[in-house]
Amino acid sequence: SYLDLEPTIGIFGVSDEVNQLKDCMNGPVQEINSRCRACYTGQLWNFKTVLMVAKAGKAAAASAVTDLIHNHRVSAIILLGTAGSIAPGLNQGDILIAHRFTEIDVDFRPATKLFNIPNDDTEIPCANSCLVRIAACAANEFAKKDLPAESRKKWELPHTTRVVTEVSSGTADRLLLREVDASNLKLCAPDVQCLEME
């Protein structure tokens, strides 16, 4: 099976996020078109890697994951993304490692509880704890590196990068543009600390 081969990491996100990582790849980088998506294959921090540009939203994310698994035979998948904080204590520039996920735009009541998917035994999906630890180790190593001053200034980032684990993330295909939306979400899902679009 393909799992016996050299592990390949699949990483996807929107173009800005992927392009920043592409610049970090070492050795030859091959650009390919995969199901109308730009893909870059090569080595990233000594791992065989497939970088894929995908659109925002859960449908686009599901399609990209399917492509990475079936056409690129990846062993693990990382989703790059930017999350908006709806909890005190999370700051711009923090690296968040989510361990729980709430689908905040899912409502199948009365068939099931708010945010639950019918016939899914898992009330709130949790990430694999081993993968969370590995991601946290990698993020901590990254956080030790100093980002260029121009990047920190452009993105208004603090001088140090914090890695925050044990984060409960909400996913949605819409942004919370009004403060009242965030307040209502906190009433319905008090554990959610941040919101992202996949």
Protein backbone atom coordinates (compact mmCIF):
# COMPACT_ATOMS: atom_id res chain seq x y z
CA SER A 1 0.00 0.00 0.00
CA TYR A 2 1.06 3.63 -0.40
CA LEU A 3 1.43 3.93 3.39
CA ASP A 4 4.58 1.78 3.14
CA LEU A 5 6.27 4.34 0.91
CA GLU A 6 8.19 7.43 2.00
CA PRO A 7 5.71 9.58 3.96
CA THR A 8 4.33 12.54 2.02
CA ILE A 9 2.79 15.52 3.77
CA GLY A 10 -0.13 17.26 2.08
CA ILE A 11 -0.61 20.93 2.94
CA PHE A 12 -3.35 23.11 1.53
CA GLY A 13 -4.67 26.63 1.97
CA VAL A 14 -5.45 29.76 0.00
CA SER A 15 -2.83 31.10 -2.39
CA ASP A 16 -1.18 33.64 -0.04
CA GLU A 17 -0.62 30.99 2.64
CA VAL A 18 0.65 28.36 0.21
CA ASN A 19 2.97 30.78 -1.59
CA GLN A 20 4.72 31.69 1.66
CA LEU A 21 5.43 28.01 2.32
CA LYS A 22 6.46 27.40 -1.29
CA ASP A 23 9.25 29.93 -0.79
CA CYS A 24 10.53 27.77 2.10
CA MET A 25 10.81 24.58 0.00
CA ASN A 26 14.33 23.37 -0.61
CA GLY A 27 15.64 21.65 -3.70
CA PRO A 28 13.72 21.44 -6.97
CA VAL A 29 10.05 22.41 -6.81
CA GLN A 30 7.72 21.03 -9.46
CA GLU A 31 4.55 22.98 -10.28
CA ILE A 32 1.65 20.87 -11.47
CA ASN A 33 -2.05 21.35 -12.09
CA SER A 34 -4.19 18.97 -10.05
CA ARG A 35 -7.92 19.02 -10.77
CA CYS A 36 -7.67 22.74 -11.68
CA ARG A 37 -5.69 23.51 -8.53
CA ALA A 38 -2.11 24.77 -8.45
CA CYS A 39 0.15 22.23 -6.72
CA TYR A 40 3.82 22.32 -5.78
CA THR A 41 5.79 19.18 -4.96
CA GLY A 42 9.20 19.05 -3.36
CA GLN A 43 10.93 18.97 0.02
CA LEU A 44 9.80 21.12 2.93
CA TRP A 45 11.97 20.86 6.04
CA ASN A 46 13.21 17.46 4.82
CA PHE A 47 9.71 16.07 4.26
CA LYS A 48 8.37 15.11 0.86
CA THR A 49 5.52 17.61 0.52
CA VAL A 50 2.62 18.47 -1.74
CA LEU A 51 1.44 22.08 -1.39
CA MET A 52 -2.01 22.71 -2.84
CA VAL A 53 -3.88 25.97 -3.44
CA ALA A 54 -7.56 25.63 -2.51
CA LYS A 55 -10.46 28.01 -2.17
CA ALA A 56 -12.05 28.91 1.17
CA GLY A 57 -15.01 26.99 2.53
CA LYS A 58 -15.81 23.48 3.68
CA ALA A 59 -16.78 22.16 0.24
CA ALA A 60 -13.48 23.36 -1.25
CA ALA A 61 -11.57 21.92 1.72
CA ALA A 62 -13.28 18.53 1.35
CA SER A 63 -12.48 18.48 -2.37
CA ALA A 64 -8.82 19.36 -1.74
CA VAL A 65 -8.48 16.64 0.92
CA THR A 66 -9.98 14.07 -1.46
CA ASP A 67 -7.54 15.13 -4.18
CA LEU A 68 -4.54 14.94 -1.82
CA ILE A 69 -5.48 11.46 -0.59
CA HIS A 70 -6.48 9.82 -3.85
CA ASN A 71 -4.22 11.50 -6.38
CA HIS A 72 -1.13 12.39 -4.33
CA ARG A 73 -1.15 9.52 -1.79
CA VAL A 74 -0.31 11.75 1.17
CA SER A 75 0.21 10.24 4.62
CA ALA A 76 -0.94 13.28 6.60
CA ILE A 77 -2.74 16.53 5.80
CA ILE A 78 -2.28 20.01 7.24
CA LEU A 79 -4.79 22.79 6.62
CA LEU A 80 -3.29 26.28 6.68
CA GLY A 81 -5.63 28.99 7.77
CA THR A 82 -6.30 32.17 9.62
CA ALA A 83 -8.70 32.12 12.55
CA GLY A 84 -10.47 35.06 14.13
CA SER A 85 -10.45 35.16 17.91
CA ILE A 86 -13.73 35.44 19.78
CA ALA A 87 -12.15 34.84 23.20
CA PRO A 88 -9.90 36.96 25.37
CA GLY A 89 -6.28 35.86 25.56
CA LEU A 90 -5.83 34.95 21.89
CA ASN A 91 -3.77 37.49 19.99
CA GLN A 92 -2.87 38.29 16.42
CA GLY A 93 0.17 36.23 15.48
CA ASP A 94 -0.56 33.32 17.84
CA ILE A 95 -0.30 29.86 16.31
CA LEU A 96 -3.39 27.91 17.33
CA ILE A 97 -3.47 24.11 17.42
CA ALA A 98 -7.15 23.21 17.56
CA HIS A 99 -8.12 19.99 19.33
CA ARG A 100 -11.92 20.36 19.12
CA PHE A 101 -14.12 21.55 16.26
CA THR A 102 -17.68 22.85 16.25
CA GLU A 103 -19.62 23.21 12.99
CA ILE A 104 -21.30 26.49 13.87
CA ASP A 105 -23.38 26.78 10.71
CA VAL A 106 -24.93 23.30 11.11
CA ASP A 107 -28.47 23.20 12.50
CA PHE A 108 -30.50 20.02 12.02
CA ARG A 109 -32.78 20.55 15.00
CA PRO A 110 -35.03 18.86 16.04
CA ALA A 111 -33.36 15.76 14.53
CA THR A 112 -30.25 16.37 16.63
CA LYS A 113 -28.66 18.98 18.91
CA LEU A 114 -27.50 22.32 17.58
CA PHE A 115 -24.14 22.03 15.72
CA ASN A 116 -24.45 18.21 15.49
CA ILE A 117 -24.68 16.23 12.27
CA PRO A 118 -27.44 13.57 12.19
CA ASN A 119 -26.26 9.96 12.54
CA ASP A 120 -22.83 11.11 13.70
CA ASP A 121 -21.99 9.58 17.07
CA THR A 122 -19.40 12.26 17.82
CA GLU A 123 -20.98 15.28 19.50
CA ILE A 124 -17.97 17.55 19.04
CA PRO A 125 -15.25 16.13 16.78
CA CYS A 126 -11.80 16.01 18.35
CA ALA A 127 -8.44 15.93 16.61
CA ASN A 128 -6.10 12.96 16.94
CA SER A 129 -4.13 13.69 20.14
CA CYS A 130 -0.89 12.29 18.70
CA LEU A 131 -1.14 14.56 15.64
CA VAL A 132 -1.94 17.53 17.88
CA ARG A 133 1.28 16.89 19.85
CA ILE A 134 3.33 16.61 16.65
CA ALA A 135 1.79 19.83 15.29
CA ALA A 136 2.52 21.60 18.58
CA CYS A 137 6.17 20.48 18.49
CA ALA A 138 6.57 21.69 14.91
CA ALA A 139 4.84 25.00 15.72
CA ASN A 140 7.09 25.54 18.75
CA GLU A 141 10.18 24.95 16.58
CA PHE A 142 8.82 27.45 14.05
CA ALA A 143 8.05 29.96 16.80
CA LYS A 144 11.73 29.93 17.85
CA LYS A 145 12.69 31.29 14.44
CA ASP A 146 12.56 35.05 14.14
CA LEU A 147 10.34 36.27 11.32
CA PRO A 148 11.73 39.05 9.15
CA ALA A 149 11.02 42.51 10.59
CA GLU A 150 9.17 43.57 7.43
CA SER A 151 6.79 40.61 7.77
CA ARG A 152 6.06 41.42 11.41
CA LYS A 153 5.43 45.06 10.52
CA LYS A 154 3.21 44.23 7.52
CA TRP A 155 1.00 41.87 9.56
CA GLU A 156 1.26 43.88 12.82
CA LEU A 157 2.63 40.86 14.64
CA PRO A 158 4.20 40.95 18.12
CA HIS A 159 7.93 40.31 18.55
CA THR A 160 7.31 36.82 19.89
CA THR A 161 5.09 34.09 18.49
CA ARG A 162 3.00 32.09 20.97
CA VAL A 163 1.82 28.54 20.33
CA VAL A 164 -1.57 27.88 21.90
CA THR A 165 -2.84 24.31 22.19
CA GLU A 166 -6.10 22.98 23.61
CA VAL A 167 -8.05 25.41 21.42
CA SER A 168 -11.68 24.81 20.55
CA SER A 169 -12.30 26.06 17.02
CA GLY A 170 -15.54 26.84 15.22
CA THR A 171 -15.79 26.27 11.48
CA ALA A 172 -18.19 28.05 9.17
CA ASP A 173 -18.65 29.12 5.59
CA ARG A 174 -19.51 32.65 6.66
CA LEU A 175 -17.70 35.36 8.58
CA LEU A 176 -19.03 36.89 11.80
CA LEU A 177 -19.07 40.49 10.69
CA ARG A 178 -21.11 41.88 13.57
CA GLU A 179 -20.35 41.85 17.27
CA VAL A 180 -23.85 40.55 17.94
CA ASP A 181 -23.07 37.42 15.87
CA ALA A 182 -20.04 36.66 18.04
CA SER A 183 -22.06 37.28 21.20
CA ASN A 184 -24.80 34.92 20.04
CA LEU A 185 -22.22 32.28 19.17
CA LYS A 186 -20.68 32.53 22.63
CA LEU A 187 -24.12 31.92 24.16
CA CYS A 188 -24.75 28.82 22.03
CA ALA A 189 -21.18 27.46 22.00
CA PRO A 190 -19.34 28.89 25.01
CA ASP A 191 -16.29 26.65 24.49
CA VAL A 192 -15.47 28.01 21.02
CA GLN A 193 -12.47 30.34 21.16
CA CYS A 194 -11.87 31.13 17.51
CA LEU A 195 -13.55 30.85 14.14
CA GLU A 196 -12.12 29.80 10.81
CA MET A 197 -13.56 29.27 7.35
CA GLU A 198 -12.87 25.57 6.72
